[in-house]
Amino acid sequence: MPVRLLHHCQQIERGLGRKRSVMVKGPRTIDIDILLHGRAVIETPQLMIPHAAMHERRFVLEPLAELAPDLKHPVLMRSMRDLLADTAGQQTRKTGIQLSIPGA
């Protein structure tokens, strides 16, 4: 199921104009990441769940902690609220951008 979700996300990215290049972590038109999939822990060359760096990124943890503050990271076994507290030095800002996905 997570692999099907990954393929669907990549299809959406392509539809929105993303071109994959050789450069890893370079600038992208759009980037859809799968952060969690229930309590699954998956490590393959194509897919890593939970997302490898999600616990280090305030812009990821802030909305997660708002939606599910007690949700536990399936590897670190710490809540989103606690992980968010670890990123206190990082700055984020809400933009109010809304995404509309054709056909969704």
PDB file of N, CA and C in Angstrom:
ATOM      1  N   MET A   1       0.804  -1.210   0.000  1.00  0.00           N
ATOM      2  CA  MET A   1       0.000   0.000   0.000  1.00  0.00           C
ATOM      3  C   MET A   1       0.849   1.279   0.000  1.00  0.00           C
ATOM      4  N   PRO A   2       1.894   1.399   0.857  1.00  0.00           N
ATOM      5  CA  PRO A   2       2.709   2.615   0.822  1.00  0.00           C
ATOM      6  C   PRO A   2       3.403   2.826  -0.520  1.00  0.00           C
ATOM      7  N   VAL A   3       3.801   1.739  -1.194  1.00  0.00           N
ATOM      8  CA  VAL A   3       4.454   1.885  -2.496  1.00  0.00           C
ATOM      9  C   VAL A   3       3.461   2.428  -3.523  1.00  0.00           C
ATOM     10  N   ARG A   4       2.226   1.974  -3.459  1.00  0.00           N
ATOM     11  CA  ARG A   4       1.192   2.524  -4.358  1.00  0.00           C
ATOM     12  C   ARG A   4       0.980   4.007  -4.078  1.00  0.00           C
ATOM     13  N   LEU A   5       0.974   4.382  -2.792  1.00  0.00           N
ATOM     14  CA  LEU A   5       0.834   5.783  -2.420  1.00  0.00           C
ATOM     15  C   LEU A   5       2.007   6.599  -2.963  1.00  0.00           C
ATOM     16  N   LEU A   6       3.221   6.057  -2.866  1.00  0.00           N
ATOM     17  CA  LEU A   6       4.401   6.733  -3.406  1.00  0.00           C
ATOM     18  C   LEU A   6       4.243   6.972  -4.905  1.00  0.00           C
ATOM     19  N   HIS A   7       3.817   5.960  -5.639  1.00  0.00           N
ATOM     20  CA  HIS A   7       3.634   6.105  -7.089  1.00  0.00           C
ATOM     21  C   HIS A   7       2.561   7.148  -7.401  1.00  0.00           C
ATOM     22  N   HIS A   8       1.511   7.174  -6.608  1.00  0.00           N
ATOM     23  CA  HIS A   8       0.455   8.166  -6.810  1.00  0.00           C
ATOM     24  C   HIS A   8       0.997   9.580  -6.553  1.00  0.00           C
ATOM     25  N   CYS A   9       1.784   9.747  -5.494  1.00  0.00           N
ATOM     26  CA  CYS A   9       2.393  11.053  -5.196  1.00  0.00           C
ATOM     27  C   CYS A   9       3.317  11.496  -6.323  1.00  0.00           C
ATOM     28  N   GLN A  10       4.101  10.568  -6.849  1.00  0.00           N
ATOM     29  CA  GLN A  10       5.002  10.897  -7.955  1.00  0.00           C
ATOM     30  C   GLN A  10       4.222  11.275  -9.203  1.00  0.00           C
ATOM     31  N   GLN A  11       3.087  10.642  -9.412  1.00  0.00           N
ATOM     32  CA  GLN A  11       2.226  10.977 -10.552  1.00  0.00           C
ATOM     33  C   GLN A  11       1.687  12.406 -10.393  1.00  0.00           C
ATOM     34  N   ILE A  12       1.286  12.769  -9.195  1.00  0.00           N
ATOM     35  CA  ILE A  12       0.815  14.132  -8.930  1.00  0.00           C
ATOM     36  C   ILE A  12       1.948  15.130  -9.164  1.00  0.00           C
ATOM     37  N   GLU A  13       3.154  14.813  -8.669  1.00  0.00           N
ATOM     38  CA  GLU A  13       4.302  15.689  -8.880  1.00  0.00           C
ATOM     39  C   GLU A  13       4.559  15.924 -10.370  1.00  0.00           C
ATOM     40  N   ARG A  14       4.532  14.842 -11.141  1.00  0.00           N
ATOM     41  CA  ARG A  14       4.743  14.971 -12.595  1.00  0.00           C
ATOM     42  C   ARG A  14       3.659  15.839 -13.213  1.00  0.00           C
ATOM     43  N   GLY A  15       2.415  15.643 -12.787  1.00  0.00           N
ATOM     44  CA  GLY A  15       1.304  16.438 -13.307  1.00  0.00           C
ATOM     45  C   GLY A  15       1.438  17.922 -12.992  1.00  0.00           C
ATOM     46  N   LEU A  16       2.135  18.231 -11.904  1.00  0.00           N
ATOM     47  CA  LEU A  16       2.348  19.626 -11.519  1.00  0.00           C
ATOM     48  C   LEU A  16       3.671  20.182 -12.047  1.00  0.00           C
ATOM     49  N   GLY A  17       4.346  19.408 -12.901  1.00  0.00           N
ATOM     50  CA  GLY A  17       5.537  19.909 -13.586  1.00  0.00           C
ATOM     51  C   GLY A  17       6.877  19.535 -12.987  1.00  0.00           C
ATOM     52  N   ARG A  18       6.915  18.610 -12.042  1.00  0.00           N
ATOM     53  CA  ARG A  18       8.204  18.230 -11.463  1.00  0.00           C
ATOM     54  C   ARG A  18       9.002  17.400 -12.458  1.00  0.00           C
ATOM     55  N   LYS A  19      10.243  17.772 -12.606  1.00  0.00           N
ATOM     56  CA  LYS A  19      11.189  17.013 -13.424  1.00  0.00           C
ATOM     57  C   LYS A  19      12.254  16.471 -12.482  1.00  0.00           C
ATOM     58  N   ARG A  20      12.464  15.182 -12.486  1.00  0.00           N
ATOM     59  CA  ARG A  20      13.500  14.578 -11.634  1.00  0.00           C
ATOM     60  C   ARG A  20      14.846  14.743 -12.323  1.00  0.00           C
ATOM     61  N   SER A  21      15.824  15.194 -11.553  1.00  0.00           N
ATOM     62  CA  SER A  21      17.170  15.369 -12.102  1.00  0.00           C
ATOM     63  C   SER A  21      18.136  14.495 -11.318  1.00  0.00           C
ATOM     64  N   VAL A  22      19.363  14.468 -11.773  1.00  0.00           N
ATOM     65  CA  VAL A  22      20.403  13.683 -11.123  1.00  0.00           C
ATOM     66  C   VAL A  22      20.751  14.300  -9.763  1.00  0.00           C
ATOM     67  N   MET A  23      20.615  15.620  -9.653  1.00  0.00           N
ATOM     68  CA  MET A  23      20.982  16.320  -8.429  1.00  0.00           C
ATOM     69  C   MET A  23      19.996  15.984  -7.306  1.00  0.00           C
ATOM     70  N   VAL A  24      20.505  15.357  -6.262  1.00  0.00           N
ATOM     71  CA  VAL A  24      19.688  15.008  -5.105  1.00  0.00           C
ATOM     72  C   VAL A  24      19.593  16.223  -4.185  1.00  0.00           C
ATOM     73  N   LYS A  25      18.415  16.453  -3.630  1.00  0.00           N
ATOM     74  CA  LYS A  25      18.156  17.554  -2.695  1.00  0.00           C
ATOM     75  C   LYS A  25      18.327  18.926  -3.347  1.00  0.00           C
ATOM     76  N   GLY A  26      18.214  18.991  -4.659  1.00  0.00           N
ATOM     77  CA  GLY A  26      18.286  20.272  -5.347  1.00  0.00           C
ATOM     78  C   GLY A  26      16.917  20.937  -5.379  1.00  0.00           C
ATOM     79  N   PRO A  27      16.822  22.106  -6.004  1.00  0.00           N
ATOM     80  CA  PRO A  27      15.535  22.803  -6.088  1.00  0.00           C
ATOM     81  C   PRO A  27      14.520  21.985  -6.892  1.00  0.00           C
ATOM     82  N   ARG A  28      13.253  22.053  -6.452  1.00  0.00           N
ATOM     83  CA  ARG A  28      12.192  21.306  -7.116  1.00  0.00           C
ATOM     84  C   ARG A  28      10.951  22.180  -7.259  1.00  0.00           C
ATOM     85  N   THR A  29      10.193  21.919  -8.296  1.00  0.00           N
ATOM     86  CA  THR A  29       8.925  22.605  -8.490  1.00  0.00           C
ATOM     87  C   THR A  29       7.965  22.240  -7.375  1.00  0.00           C
ATOM     88  N   ILE A  30       7.912  20.960  -7.049  1.00  0.00           N
ATOM     89  CA  ILE A  30       7.054  20.442  -5.983  1.00  0.00           C
ATOM     90  C   ILE A  30       7.707  19.188  -5.419  1.00  0.00           C
ATOM     91  N   ASP A  31       7.460  18.941  -4.146  1.00  0.00           N
ATOM     92  CA  ASP A  31       8.013  17.759  -3.497  1.00  0.00           C
ATOM     93  C   ASP A  31       6.981  17.242  -2.501  1.00  0.00           C
ATOM     94  N   ILE A  32       6.413  16.090  -2.792  1.00  0.00           N
ATOM     95  CA  ILE A  32       5.436  15.468  -1.901  1.00  0.00           C
ATOM     96  C   ILE A  32       6.132  14.323  -1.189  1.00  0.00           C
ATOM     97  N   ASP A  33       6.194  14.411   0.123  1.00  0.00           N
ATOM     98  CA  ASP A  33       6.831  13.369   0.921  1.00  0.00           C
ATOM     99  C   ASP A  33       5.783  12.597   1.711  1.00  0.00           C
ATOM    100  N   ILE A  34       6.010  11.308   1.881  1.00  0.00           N
ATOM    101  CA  ILE A  34       5.200  10.489   2.770  1.00  0.00           C
ATOM    102  C   ILE A  34       5.921  10.490   4.109  1.00  0.00           C
ATOM    103  N   LEU A  35       5.302  11.075   5.109  1.00  0.00           N
ATOM    104  CA  LEU A  35       5.941  11.199   6.416  1.00  0.00           C
ATOM    105  C   LEU A  35       5.749   9.948   7.252  1.00  0.00           C
ATOM    106  N   LEU A  36       4.525   9.496   7.335  1.00  0.00           N
ATOM    107  CA  LEU A  36       4.152   8.340   8.146  1.00  0.00           C
ATOM    108  C   LEU A  36       3.121   7.525   7.389  1.00  0.00           C
ATOM    109  N   HIS A  37       3.026   6.258   7.745  1.00  0.00           N
ATOM    110  CA  HIS A  37       1.968   5.403   7.206  1.00  0.00           C
ATOM    111  C   HIS A  37       1.561   4.470   8.343  1.00  0.00           C
ATOM    112  N   GLY A  38       0.662   4.979   9.191  1.00  0.00           N
ATOM    113  CA  GLY A  38       0.309   4.232  10.389  1.00  0.00           C
ATOM    114  C   GLY A  38       1.541   4.066  11.255  1.00  0.00           C
ATOM    115  N   ARG A  39       1.775   2.862  11.701  1.00  0.00           N
ATOM    116  CA  ARG A  39       2.972   2.572  12.514  1.00  0.00           C
ATOM    117  C   ARG A  39       4.053   1.872  11.696  1.00  0.00           C
ATOM    118  N   ALA A  40       3.893   1.892  10.374  1.00  0.00           N
ATOM    119  CA  ALA A  40       4.822   1.184   9.487  1.00  0.00           C
ATOM    120  C   ALA A  40       6.229   1.769   9.567  1.00  0.00           C
ATOM    121  N   VAL A  41       7.191   0.877   9.473  1.00  0.00           N
ATOM    122  CA  VAL A  41       8.600   1.255   9.334  1.00  0.00           C
ATOM    123  C   VAL A  41       9.086   0.547   8.075  1.00  0.00           C
ATOM    124  N   ILE A  42       9.440   1.328   7.063  1.00  0.00           N
ATOM    125  CA  ILE A  42       9.829   0.784   5.762  1.00  0.00           C
ATOM    126  C   ILE A  42      11.143   1.421   5.346  1.00  0.00           C
ATOM    127  N   GLU A  43      12.092   0.611   4.944  1.00  0.00           N
ATOM    128  CA  GLU A  43      13.373   1.110   4.439  1.00  0.00           C
ATOM    129  C   GLU A  43      13.710   0.376   3.152  1.00  0.00           C
ATOM    130  N   THR A  44      13.497   1.050   2.036  1.00  0.00           N
ATOM    131  CA  THR A  44      13.880   0.527   0.727  1.00  0.00           C
ATOM    132  C   THR A  44      14.615   1.643   0.000  1.00  0.00           C
ATOM    133  N   PRO A  45      15.296   1.338  -1.101  1.00  0.00           N
ATOM    134  CA  PRO A  45      15.957   2.410  -1.853  1.00  0.00           C
ATOM    135  C   PRO A  45      14.973   3.483  -2.352  1.00  0.00           C
ATOM    136  N   GLN A  46      13.714   3.103  -2.588  1.00  0.00           N
ATOM    137  CA  GLN A  46      12.729   4.040  -3.115  1.00  0.00           C
ATOM    138  C   GLN A  46      11.949   4.767  -2.029  1.00  0.00           C
ATOM    139  N   LEU A  47      11.814   4.154  -0.858  1.00  0.00           N
ATOM    140  CA  LEU A  47      10.881   4.683   0.134  1.00  0.00           C
ATOM    141  C   LEU A  47      11.381   4.439   1.551  1.00  0.00           C
ATOM    142  N   MET A  48      11.354   5.498   2.356  1.00  0.00           N
ATOM    143  CA  MET A  48      11.698   5.367   3.767  1.00  0.00           C
ATOM    144  C   MET A  48      10.565   5.969   4.598  1.00  0.00           C
ATOM    145  N   ILE A  49       9.939   5.129   5.416  1.00  0.00           N
ATOM    146  CA  ILE A  49       8.868   5.552   6.315  1.00  0.00           C
ATOM    147  C   ILE A  49       9.206   5.047   7.699  1.00  0.00           C
ATOM    148  N   PRO A  50       9.192   5.919   8.700  1.00  0.00           N
ATOM    149  CA  PRO A  50       8.898   7.348   8.629  1.00  0.00           C
ATOM    150  C   PRO A  50       9.976   8.101   7.858  1.00  0.00           C
ATOM    151  N   HIS A  51       9.594   9.268   7.362  1.00  0.00           N
ATOM    152  CA  HIS A  51      10.530  10.096   6.615  1.00  0.00           C
ATOM    153  C   HIS A  51      11.776  10.316   7.470  1.00  0.00           C
ATOM    154  N   ALA A  52      12.941  10.144   6.861  1.00  0.00           N
ATOM    155  CA  ALA A  52      14.206  10.129   7.603  1.00  0.00           C
ATOM    156  C   ALA A  52      14.498  11.412   8.373  1.00  0.00           C
ATOM    157  N   ALA A  53      14.055  12.556   7.895  1.00  0.00           N
ATOM    158  CA  ALA A  53      14.411  13.821   8.544  1.00  0.00           C
ATOM    159  C   ALA A  53      13.215  14.543   9.160  1.00  0.00           C
ATOM    160  N   MET A  54      12.056  13.912   9.182  1.00  0.00           N
ATOM    161  CA  MET A  54      10.869  14.630   9.661  1.00  0.00           C
ATOM    162  C   MET A  54      11.018  15.131  11.092  1.00  0.00           C
ATOM    163  N   HIS A  55      11.718  14.392  11.931  1.00  0.00           N
ATOM    164  CA  HIS A  55      11.861  14.758  13.342  1.00  0.00           C
ATOM    165  C   HIS A  55      12.795  15.954  13.549  1.00  0.00           C
ATOM    166  N   GLU A  56      13.466  16.387  12.475  1.00  0.00           N
ATOM    167  CA  GLU A  56      14.392  17.520  12.547  1.00  0.00           C
ATOM    168  C   GLU A  56      13.816  18.794  11.942  1.00  0.00           C
ATOM    169  N   ARG A  57      12.610  18.718  11.403  1.00  0.00           N
ATOM    170  CA  ARG A  57      12.067  19.836  10.622  1.00  0.00           C
ATOM    171  C   ARG A  57      10.812  20.411  11.264  1.00  0.00           C
ATOM    172  N   ARG A  58      10.960  21.609  11.774  1.00  0.00           N
ATOM    173  CA  ARG A  58       9.838  22.276  12.440  1.00  0.00           C
ATOM    174  C   ARG A  58       8.658  22.461  11.487  1.00  0.00           C
ATOM    175  N   PHE A  59       8.919  22.793  10.224  1.00  0.00           N
ATOM    176  CA  PHE A  59       7.830  23.024   9.281  1.00  0.00           C
ATOM    177  C   PHE A  59       7.007  21.761   9.033  1.00  0.00           C
ATOM    178  N   VAL A  60       7.559  20.595   9.340  1.00  0.00           N
ATOM    179  CA  VAL A  60       6.828  19.332   9.256  1.00  0.00           C
ATOM    180  C   VAL A  60       6.108  19.054  10.572  1.00  0.00           C
ATOM    181  N   LEU A  61       6.819  19.250  11.670  1.00  0.00           N
ATOM    182  CA  LEU A  61       6.287  18.888  12.985  1.00  0.00           C
ATOM    183  C   LEU A  61       5.203  19.832  13.486  1.00  0.00           C
ATOM    184  N   GLU A  62       5.268  21.102  13.117  1.00  0.00           N
ATOM    185  CA  GLU A  62       4.284  22.063  13.615  1.00  0.00           C
ATOM    186  C   GLU A  62       2.855  21.662  13.245  1.00  0.00           C
ATOM    187  N   PRO A  63       2.565  21.420  11.971  1.00  0.00           N
ATOM    188  CA  PRO A  63       1.193  21.000  11.656  1.00  0.00           C
ATOM    189  C   PRO A  63       0.857  19.612  12.202  1.00  0.00           C
ATOM    190  N   LEU A  64       1.826  18.695  12.226  1.00  0.00           N
ATOM    191  CA  LEU A  64       1.569  17.369  12.779  1.00  0.00           C
ATOM    192  C   LEU A  64       1.213  17.450  14.260  1.00  0.00           C
ATOM    193  N   ALA A  65       1.951  18.258  15.006  1.00  0.00           N
ATOM    194  CA  ALA A  65       1.687  18.413  16.432  1.00  0.00           C
ATOM    195  C   ALA A  65       0.359  19.116  16.680  1.00  0.00           C
ATOM    196  N   GLU A  66      -0.033  19.962  15.754  1.00  0.00           N
ATOM    197  CA  GLU A  66      -1.328  20.635  15.867  1.00  0.00           C
ATOM    198  C   GLU A  66      -2.469  19.639  15.654  1.00  0.00           C
ATOM    199  N   LEU A  67      -2.299  18.742  14.690  1.00  0.00           N
ATOM    200  CA  LEU A  67      -3.338  17.757  14.380  1.00  0.00           C
ATOM    201  C   LEU A  67      -3.352  16.574  15.342  1.00  0.00           C
ATOM    202  N   ALA A  68      -2.168  16.104  15.727  1.00  0.00           N
ATOM    203  CA  ALA A  68      -2.070  14.889  16.548  1.00  0.00           C
ATOM    204  C   ALA A  68      -0.878  15.006  17.496  1.00  0.00           C
ATOM    205  N   PRO A  69      -0.993  15.832  18.524  1.00  0.00           N
ATOM    206  CA  PRO A  69       0.161  16.089  19.397  1.00  0.00           C
ATOM    207  C   PRO A  69       0.705  14.852  20.109  1.00  0.00           C
ATOM    208  N   ASP A  70      -0.142  13.871  20.373  1.00  0.00           N
ATOM    209  CA  ASP A  70       0.294  12.676  21.095  1.00  0.00           C
ATOM    210  C   ASP A  70       0.696  11.521  20.179  1.00  0.00           C
ATOM    211  N   LEU A  71       0.594  11.725  18.872  1.00  0.00           N
ATOM    212  CA  LEU A  71       1.009  10.703  17.914  1.00  0.00           C
ATOM    213  C   LEU A  71       2.489  10.406  18.110  1.00  0.00           C
ATOM    214  N   LYS A  72       2.829   9.134  18.183  1.00  0.00           N
ATOM    215  CA  LYS A  72       4.224   8.734  18.417  1.00  0.00           C
ATOM    216  C   LYS A  72       4.934   8.409  17.104  1.00  0.00           C
ATOM    217  N   HIS A  73       6.146   8.877  16.998  1.00  0.00           N
ATOM    218  CA  HIS A  73       7.023   8.519  15.893  1.00  0.00           C
ATOM    219  C   HIS A  73       7.306   7.023  16.051  1.00  0.00           C
ATOM    220  N   PRO A  74       7.087   6.203  15.020  1.00  0.00           N
ATOM    221  CA  PRO A  74       7.183   4.749  15.178  1.00  0.00           C
ATOM    222  C   PRO A  74       8.590   4.201  15.429  1.00  0.00           C
ATOM    223  N   VAL A  75       9.623   4.991  15.230  1.00  0.00           N
ATOM    224  CA  VAL A  75      10.983   4.548  15.511  1.00  0.00           C
ATOM    225  C   VAL A  75      11.494   5.200  16.797  1.00  0.00           C
ATOM    226  N   LEU A  76      11.339   6.505  16.901  1.00  0.00           N
ATOM    227  CA  LEU A  76      11.856   7.241  18.058  1.00  0.00           C
ATOM    228  C   LEU A  76      10.967   7.090  19.290  1.00  0.00           C
ATOM    229  N   MET A  77       9.709   6.691  19.067  1.00  0.00           N
ATOM    230  CA  MET A  77       8.734   6.499  20.149  1.00  0.00           C
ATOM    231  C   MET A  77       8.566   7.763  21.002  1.00  0.00           C
ATOM    232  N   ARG A  78       8.604   8.909  20.344  1.00  0.00           N
ATOM    233  CA  ARG A  78       8.366  10.193  21.002  1.00  0.00           C
ATOM    234  C   ARG A  78       7.201  10.868  20.307  1.00  0.00           C
ATOM    235  N   SER A  79       6.435  11.648  21.057  1.00  0.00           N
ATOM    236  CA  SER A  79       5.262  12.310  20.495  1.00  0.00           C
ATOM    237  C   SER A  79       5.666  13.452  19.572  1.00  0.00           C
ATOM    238  N   MET A  80       4.740  13.811  18.681  1.00  0.00           N
ATOM    239  CA  MET A  80       4.980  14.944  17.792  1.00  0.00           C
ATOM    240  C   MET A  80       5.195  16.211  18.612  1.00  0.00           C
ATOM    241  N   ARG A  81       4.476  16.358  19.713  1.00  0.00           N
ATOM    242  CA  ARG A  81       4.632  17.506  20.605  1.00  0.00           C
ATOM    243  C   ARG A  81       6.069  17.583  21.134  1.00  0.00           C
ATOM    244  N   ASP A  82       6.609  16.458  21.593  1.00  0.00           N
ATOM    245  CA  ASP A  82       7.977  16.429  22.129  1.00  0.00           C
ATOM    246  C   ASP A  82       9.012  16.688  21.037  1.00  0.00           C
ATOM    247  N   LEU A  83       8.814  16.100  19.878  1.00  0.00           N
ATOM    248  CA  LEU A  83       9.750  16.326  18.770  1.00  0.00           C
ATOM    249  C   LEU A  83       9.731  17.788  18.341  1.00  0.00           C
ATOM    250  N   LEU A  84       8.542  18.377  18.313  1.00  0.00           N
ATOM    251  CA  LEU A  84       8.422  19.795  17.964  1.00  0.00           C
ATOM    252  C   LEU A  84       9.209  20.659  18.947  1.00  0.00           C
ATOM    253  N   ALA A  85       9.138  20.346  20.219  1.00  0.00           N
ATOM    254  CA  ALA A  85       9.863  21.116  21.239  1.00  0.00           C
ATOM    255  C   ALA A  85      11.371  21.114  20.962  1.00  0.00           C
ATOM    256  N   ASP A  86      11.876  20.043  20.389  1.00  0.00           N
ATOM    257  CA  ASP A  86      13.304  19.954  20.068  1.00  0.00           C
ATOM    258  C   ASP A  86      13.719  20.904  18.942  1.00  0.00           C
ATOM    259  N   THR A  87      12.763  21.424  18.194  1.00  0.00           N
ATOM    260  CA  THR A  87      13.072  22.305  17.055  1.00  0.00           C
ATOM    261  C   THR A  87      12.803  23.769  17.388  1.00  0.00           C
ATOM    262  N   ALA A  88      12.773  24.103  18.676  1.00  0.00           N
ATOM    263  CA  ALA A  88      12.394  25.447  19.125  1.00  0.00           C
ATOM    264  C   ALA A  88      13.213  26.563  18.469  1.00  0.00           C
ATOM    265  N   GLY A  89      14.446  26.307  18.092  1.00  0.00           N
ATOM    266  CA  GLY A  89      15.284  27.345  17.489  1.00  0.00           C
ATOM    267  C   GLY A  89      14.981  27.622  16.023  1.00  0.00           C
ATOM    268  N   GLN A  90      14.183  26.792  15.383  1.00  0.00           N
ATOM    269  CA  GLN A  90      13.867  26.959  13.961  1.00  0.00           C
ATOM    270  C   GLN A  90      12.675  27.905  13.788  1.00  0.00           C
ATOM    271  N   GLN A  91      12.698  28.686  12.728  1.00  0.00           N
ATOM    272  CA  GLN A  91      11.609  29.616  12.435  1.00  0.00           C
ATOM    273  C   GLN A  91      10.725  29.072  11.320  1.00  0.00           C
ATOM    274  N   THR A  92       9.431  29.236  11.460  1.00  0.00           N
ATOM    275  CA  THR A  92       8.480  28.902  10.400  1.00  0.00           C
ATOM    276  C   THR A  92       7.460  30.023  10.316  1.00  0.00           C
ATOM    277  N   ARG A  93       6.746  30.066   9.196  1.00  0.00           N
ATOM    278  CA  ARG A  93       5.643  31.022   9.069  1.00  0.00           C
ATOM    279  C   ARG A  93       4.564  30.401   8.207  1.00  0.00           C
ATOM    280  N   LYS A  94       3.333  30.681   8.547  1.00  0.00           N
ATOM    281  CA  LYS A  94       2.207  30.176   7.767  1.00  0.00           C
ATOM    282  C   LYS A  94       1.968  31.127   6.609  1.00  0.00           C
ATOM    283  N   THR A  95       1.722  30.549   5.431  1.00  0.00           N
ATOM    284  CA  THR A  95       1.568  31.369   4.241  1.00  0.00           C
ATOM    285  C   THR A  95       0.130  31.518   3.786  1.00  0.00           C
ATOM    286  N   GLY A  96      -0.722  30.594   4.172  1.00  0.00           N
ATOM    287  CA  GLY A  96      -2.111  30.654   3.717  1.00  0.00           C
ATOM    288  C   GLY A  96      -2.287  30.131   2.302  1.00  0.00           C
ATOM    289  N   ILE A  97      -1.287  29.464   1.766  1.00  0.00           N
ATOM    290  CA  ILE A  97      -1.375  28.902   0.423  1.00  0.00           C
ATOM    291  C   ILE A  97      -2.305  27.696   0.447  1.00  0.00           C
ATOM    292  N   GLN A  98      -3.191  27.623  -0.542  1.00  0.00           N
ATOM    293  CA  GLN A  98      -4.053  26.462  -0.680  1.00  0.00           C
ATOM    294  C   GLN A  98      -3.673  25.726  -1.950  1.00  0.00           C
ATOM    295  N   LEU A  99      -3.610  24.414  -1.843  1.00  0.00           N
ATOM    296  CA  LEU A  99      -3.248  23.578  -2.975  1.00  0.00           C
ATOM    297  C   LEU A  99      -4.495  22.907  -3.501  1.00  0.00           C
ATOM    298  N   SER A 100      -4.702  22.985  -4.775  1.00  0.00           N
ATOM    299  CA  SER A 100      -5.822  22.322  -5.417  1.00  0.00           C
ATOM    300  C   SER A 100      -5.248  21.293  -6.390  1.00  0.00           C
ATOM    301  N   ILE A 101      -5.590  20.045  -6.195  1.00  0.00           N
ATOM    302  CA  ILE A 101      -5.070  18.981  -7.048  1.00  0.00           C
ATOM    303  C   ILE A 101      -6.170  18.560  -8.021  1.00  0.00           C
ATOM    304  N   PRO A 102      -5.943  18.751  -9.319  1.00  0.00           N
ATOM    305  CA  PRO A 102      -6.944  18.380 -10.314  1.00  0.00           C
ATOM    306  C   PRO A 102      -7.277  16.880 -10.215  1.00  0.00           C
ATOM    307  N   GLY A 103      -8.545  16.572 -10.234  1.00  0.00           N
ATOM    308  CA  GLY A 103      -8.982  15.188 -10.214  1.00  0.00           C
ATOM    309  C   GLY A 103      -8.997  14.542  -8.850  1.00  0.00           C
ATOM    310  N   ALA A 104      -8.634  15.296  -7.828  1.00  0.00           N
ATOM    311  CA  ALA A 104      -8.616  14.717  -6.471  1.00  0.00           C
ATOM    312  C   ALA A 104      -9.946  14.892  -5.785  1.00  0.00           C
TER     313      ALA A 104
END
